[in-house]
Amino acid sequence: TGAFWTAIPTSPAATVVEMDDGARLHGKRLVELTGREFAHFVWGCAIEALGGMSHVHVLLVTGKRAGALNGFPPLPSNFQSVAVVPQLELLPLCDAFITHGGMGSIMEAIVH
């Protein structure tokens, strides 16, 4: 967790926990998110933006932690959730790749 933004554009599907205890960083209010909360925020935005688009298939990779989608409504019919994928094999087949921005994912995406 840590300081991210002054304000996060929230959506109904997002889980955002604000810890406004008066703390400031460079005059900006701090917002603290756990990794799970951040993932839920990103997944919620993707579901809102891409849900129901029949010409788009979304592979939502949740990781191995059980219950990653707890609290979410059923996924739209064009979404498929899996724990893990062979990323290097999958990337050449993708038109778009939304990632958490880790160095491995970024470097693999650049290669493909």
C-alpha atoms as a PDB file:
ATOM      1  CA  THR A   1       0.000   0.000   0.000  1.00  0.00           C
ATOM      2  CA  GLY A   2       1.051   3.584  -0.291  1.00  0.00           C
ATOM      3  CA  ALA A   3       0.313   6.989  -1.676  1.00  0.00           C
ATOM      4  CA  PHE A   4      -1.275   6.817  -5.101  1.00  0.00           C
ATOM      5  CA  TRP A   5      -3.471   9.721  -6.221  1.00  0.00           C
ATOM      6  CA  THR A   6      -5.170  12.776  -4.836  1.00  0.00           C
ATOM      7  CA  ALA A   7      -8.472  11.357  -6.041  1.00  0.00           C
ATOM      8  CA  ILE A   8      -9.255   8.048  -7.666  1.00  0.00           C
ATOM      9  CA  PRO A   9     -12.028   7.984 -10.280  1.00  0.00           C
ATOM     10  CA  THR A  10     -14.187   5.386  -8.609  1.00  0.00           C
ATOM     11  CA  SER A  11     -16.872   3.313 -10.231  1.00  0.00           C
ATOM     12  CA  PRO A  12     -19.738   1.328  -8.689  1.00  0.00           C
ATOM     13  CA  ALA A  13     -17.879  -1.939  -9.277  1.00  0.00           C
ATOM     14  CA  ALA A  14     -14.661  -0.715  -7.672  1.00  0.00           C
ATOM     15  CA  THR A  15     -13.583  -1.287  -4.111  1.00  0.00           C
ATOM     16  CA  VAL A  16     -11.686   1.719  -2.830  1.00  0.00           C
ATOM     17  CA  VAL A  17     -10.745   2.185   0.788  1.00  0.00           C
ATOM     18  CA  GLU A  18      -9.864   5.738   1.713  1.00  0.00           C
ATOM     19  CA  MET A  19      -7.788   6.300   4.810  1.00  0.00           C
ATOM     20  CA  ASP A  20      -8.270  10.050   5.292  1.00  0.00           C
ATOM     21  CA  ASP A  21      -6.691  10.560   8.685  1.00  0.00           C
ATOM     22  CA  GLY A  22      -5.493  14.017   7.739  1.00  0.00           C
ATOM     23  CA  ALA A  23      -2.151  12.754   6.441  1.00  0.00           C
ATOM     24  CA  ARG A  24      -0.835  14.579   3.416  1.00  0.00           C
ATOM     25  CA  LEU A  25       1.999  14.045   0.942  1.00  0.00           C
ATOM     26  CA  HIS A  26       3.073  17.184  -0.897  1.00  0.00           C
ATOM     27  CA  GLY A  27      -0.231  18.714   0.187  1.00  0.00           C
ATOM     28  CA  LYS A  28      -2.299  15.888  -1.317  1.00  0.00           C
ATOM     29  CA  ARG A  29      -4.615  13.557   0.566  1.00  0.00           C
ATOM     30  CA  LEU A  30      -3.309  10.004   0.799  1.00  0.00           C
ATOM     31  CA  VAL A  31      -5.335   7.075  -0.493  1.00  0.00           C
ATOM     32  CA  GLU A  32      -4.278   3.627   0.571  1.00  0.00           C
ATOM     33  CA  LEU A  33      -5.146   0.478  -1.349  1.00  0.00           C
ATOM     34  CA  THR A  34      -4.205  -3.125  -0.815  1.00  0.00           C
ATOM     35  CA  GLY A  35      -3.171  -5.184  -3.836  1.00  0.00           C
ATOM     36  CA  ARG A  36      -6.554  -6.926  -3.763  1.00  0.00           C
ATOM     37  CA  GLU A  37      -8.443  -3.619  -3.655  1.00  0.00           C
ATOM     38  CA  PHE A  38      -6.397  -2.272  -6.550  1.00  0.00           C
ATOM     39  CA  ALA A  39      -7.033  -5.440  -8.584  1.00  0.00           C
ATOM     40  CA  HIS A  40     -10.766  -5.183  -7.851  1.00  0.00           C
ATOM     41  CA  PHE A  41     -10.730  -1.553  -8.964  1.00  0.00           C
ATOM     42  CA  VAL A  42      -9.032  -2.403 -12.282  1.00  0.00           C
ATOM     43  CA  TRP A  43     -11.221  -5.466 -12.876  1.00  0.00           C
ATOM     44  CA  GLY A  44     -14.345  -3.428 -12.119  1.00  0.00           C
ATOM     45  CA  CYS A  45     -13.326  -0.792 -14.663  1.00  0.00           C
ATOM     46  CA  ALA A  46     -12.643  -3.488 -17.274  1.00  0.00           C
ATOM     47  CA  ILE A  47     -15.999  -5.141 -16.621  1.00  0.00           C
ATOM     48  CA  GLU A  48     -17.822  -1.817 -16.963  1.00  0.00           C
ATOM     49  CA  ALA A  49     -15.955  -0.866 -20.139  1.00  0.00           C
ATOM     50  CA  LEU A  50     -15.889  -4.219 -21.936  1.00  0.00           C
ATOM     51  CA  GLY A  51     -18.734  -6.242 -20.440  1.00  0.00           C
ATOM     52  CA  GLY A  52     -21.298  -7.346 -22.990  1.00  0.00           C
ATOM     53  CA  MET A  53     -19.198  -6.500 -26.055  1.00  0.00           C
ATOM     54  CA  SER A  54     -19.875  -9.575 -28.165  1.00  0.00           C
ATOM     55  CA  HIS A  55     -16.894  -8.900 -30.452  1.00  0.00           C
ATOM     56  CA  VAL A  56     -14.448  -8.829 -27.501  1.00  0.00           C
ATOM     57  CA  HIS A  57     -13.308 -11.815 -25.420  1.00  0.00           C
ATOM     58  CA  VAL A  58     -11.687 -10.876 -22.114  1.00  0.00           C
ATOM     59  CA  LEU A  59      -9.445 -13.288 -20.257  1.00  0.00           C
ATOM     60  CA  LEU A  60      -9.350 -12.123 -16.638  1.00  0.00           C
ATOM     61  CA  VAL A  61      -6.306 -13.639 -14.929  1.00  0.00           C
ATOM     62  CA  THR A  62      -6.902 -13.559 -11.185  1.00  0.00           C
ATOM     63  CA  GLY A  63      -3.841 -15.307  -9.772  1.00  0.00           C
ATOM     64  CA  LYS A  64      -3.798 -18.402  -7.595  1.00  0.00           C
ATOM     65  CA  ARG A  65      -5.346 -16.892  -4.453  1.00  0.00           C
ATOM     66  CA  ALA A  66      -8.712 -18.503  -3.704  1.00  0.00           C
ATOM     67  CA  GLY A  67     -11.710 -16.197  -3.781  1.00  0.00           C
ATOM     68  CA  ALA A  68     -10.103 -13.519  -5.938  1.00  0.00           C
ATOM     69  CA  LEU A  69     -13.499 -12.597  -7.382  1.00  0.00           C
ATOM     70  CA  ASN A  70     -15.413 -12.745  -4.087  1.00  0.00           C
ATOM     71  CA  GLY A  71     -17.811  -9.832  -3.922  1.00  0.00           C
ATOM     72  CA  PHE A  72     -18.120  -9.478  -7.691  1.00  0.00           C
ATOM     73  CA  PRO A  73     -21.379 -10.160  -9.496  1.00  0.00           C
ATOM     74  CA  PRO A  74     -21.249 -12.904 -12.125  1.00  0.00           C
ATOM     75  CA  LEU A  75     -18.883 -11.992 -14.948  1.00  0.00           C
ATOM     76  CA  PRO A  76     -20.361 -10.874 -18.280  1.00  0.00           C
ATOM     77  CA  SER A  77     -20.670 -13.611 -20.897  1.00  0.00           C
ATOM     78  CA  ASN A  78     -17.670 -12.308 -22.848  1.00  0.00           C
ATOM     79  CA  PHE A  79     -15.374 -12.646 -19.801  1.00  0.00           C
ATOM     80  CA  GLN A  80     -13.506 -15.786 -18.790  1.00  0.00           C
ATOM     81  CA  SER A  81     -11.638 -15.950 -15.495  1.00  0.00           C
ATOM     82  CA  VAL A  82      -8.590 -18.168 -14.963  1.00  0.00           C
ATOM     83  CA  ALA A  83      -5.978 -18.358 -12.215  1.00  0.00           C
ATOM     84  CA  VAL A  84      -2.891 -18.451 -14.447  1.00  0.00           C
ATOM     85  CA  VAL A  85      -2.015 -18.467 -18.149  1.00  0.00           C
ATOM     86  CA  PRO A  86       1.121 -19.217 -20.151  1.00  0.00           C
ATOM     87  CA  GLN A  87       1.655 -15.498 -20.779  1.00  0.00           C
ATOM     88  CA  LEU A  88       4.410 -15.828 -23.388  1.00  0.00           C
ATOM     89  CA  GLU A  89       2.211 -18.168 -25.438  1.00  0.00           C
ATOM     90  CA  LEU A  90      -0.894 -16.017 -25.034  1.00  0.00           C
ATOM     91  CA  LEU A  91       0.540 -12.563 -25.798  1.00  0.00           C
ATOM     92  CA  PRO A  92       0.975 -13.137 -29.561  1.00  0.00           C
ATOM     93  CA  LEU A  93      -2.764 -13.882 -29.748  1.00  0.00           C
ATOM     94  CA  CYS A  94      -3.876 -10.702 -27.943  1.00  0.00           C
ATOM     95  CA  ASP A  95      -4.986  -7.410 -29.452  1.00  0.00           C
ATOM     96  CA  ALA A  96      -4.688  -5.679 -26.063  1.00  0.00           C
ATOM     97  CA  PHE A  97      -2.941  -6.421 -22.781  1.00  0.00           C
ATOM     98  CA  ILE A  98      -3.923  -4.734 -19.517  1.00  0.00           C
ATOM     99  CA  THR A  99      -1.317  -5.395 -16.842  1.00  0.00           C
ATOM    100  CA  HIS A 100      -0.356  -4.319 -13.337  1.00  0.00           C
ATOM    101  CA  GLY A 101       2.840  -2.939 -14.845  1.00  0.00           C
ATOM    102  CA  GLY A 102       5.363  -5.365 -13.403  1.00  0.00           C
ATOM    103  CA  MET A 103       8.728  -5.488 -15.140  1.00  0.00           C
ATOM    104  CA  GLY A 104       8.216  -9.064 -16.372  1.00  0.00           C
ATOM    105  CA  SER A 105       4.846  -8.312 -17.947  1.00  0.00           C
ATOM    106  CA  ILE A 106       6.051  -5.074 -19.520  1.00  0.00           C
ATOM    107  CA  MET A 107       9.167  -6.679 -21.013  1.00  0.00           C
ATOM    108  CA  GLU A 108       7.190  -9.665 -22.331  1.00  0.00           C
ATOM    109  CA  ALA A 109       4.603  -7.338 -23.888  1.00  0.00           C
ATOM    110  CA  ILE A 110       7.326  -5.295 -25.602  1.00  0.00           C
ATOM    111  CA  VAL A 111       8.772  -8.453 -27.150  1.00  0.00           C
ATOM    112  CA  HIS A 112       5.393  -9.364 -28.604  1.00  0.00           C
END
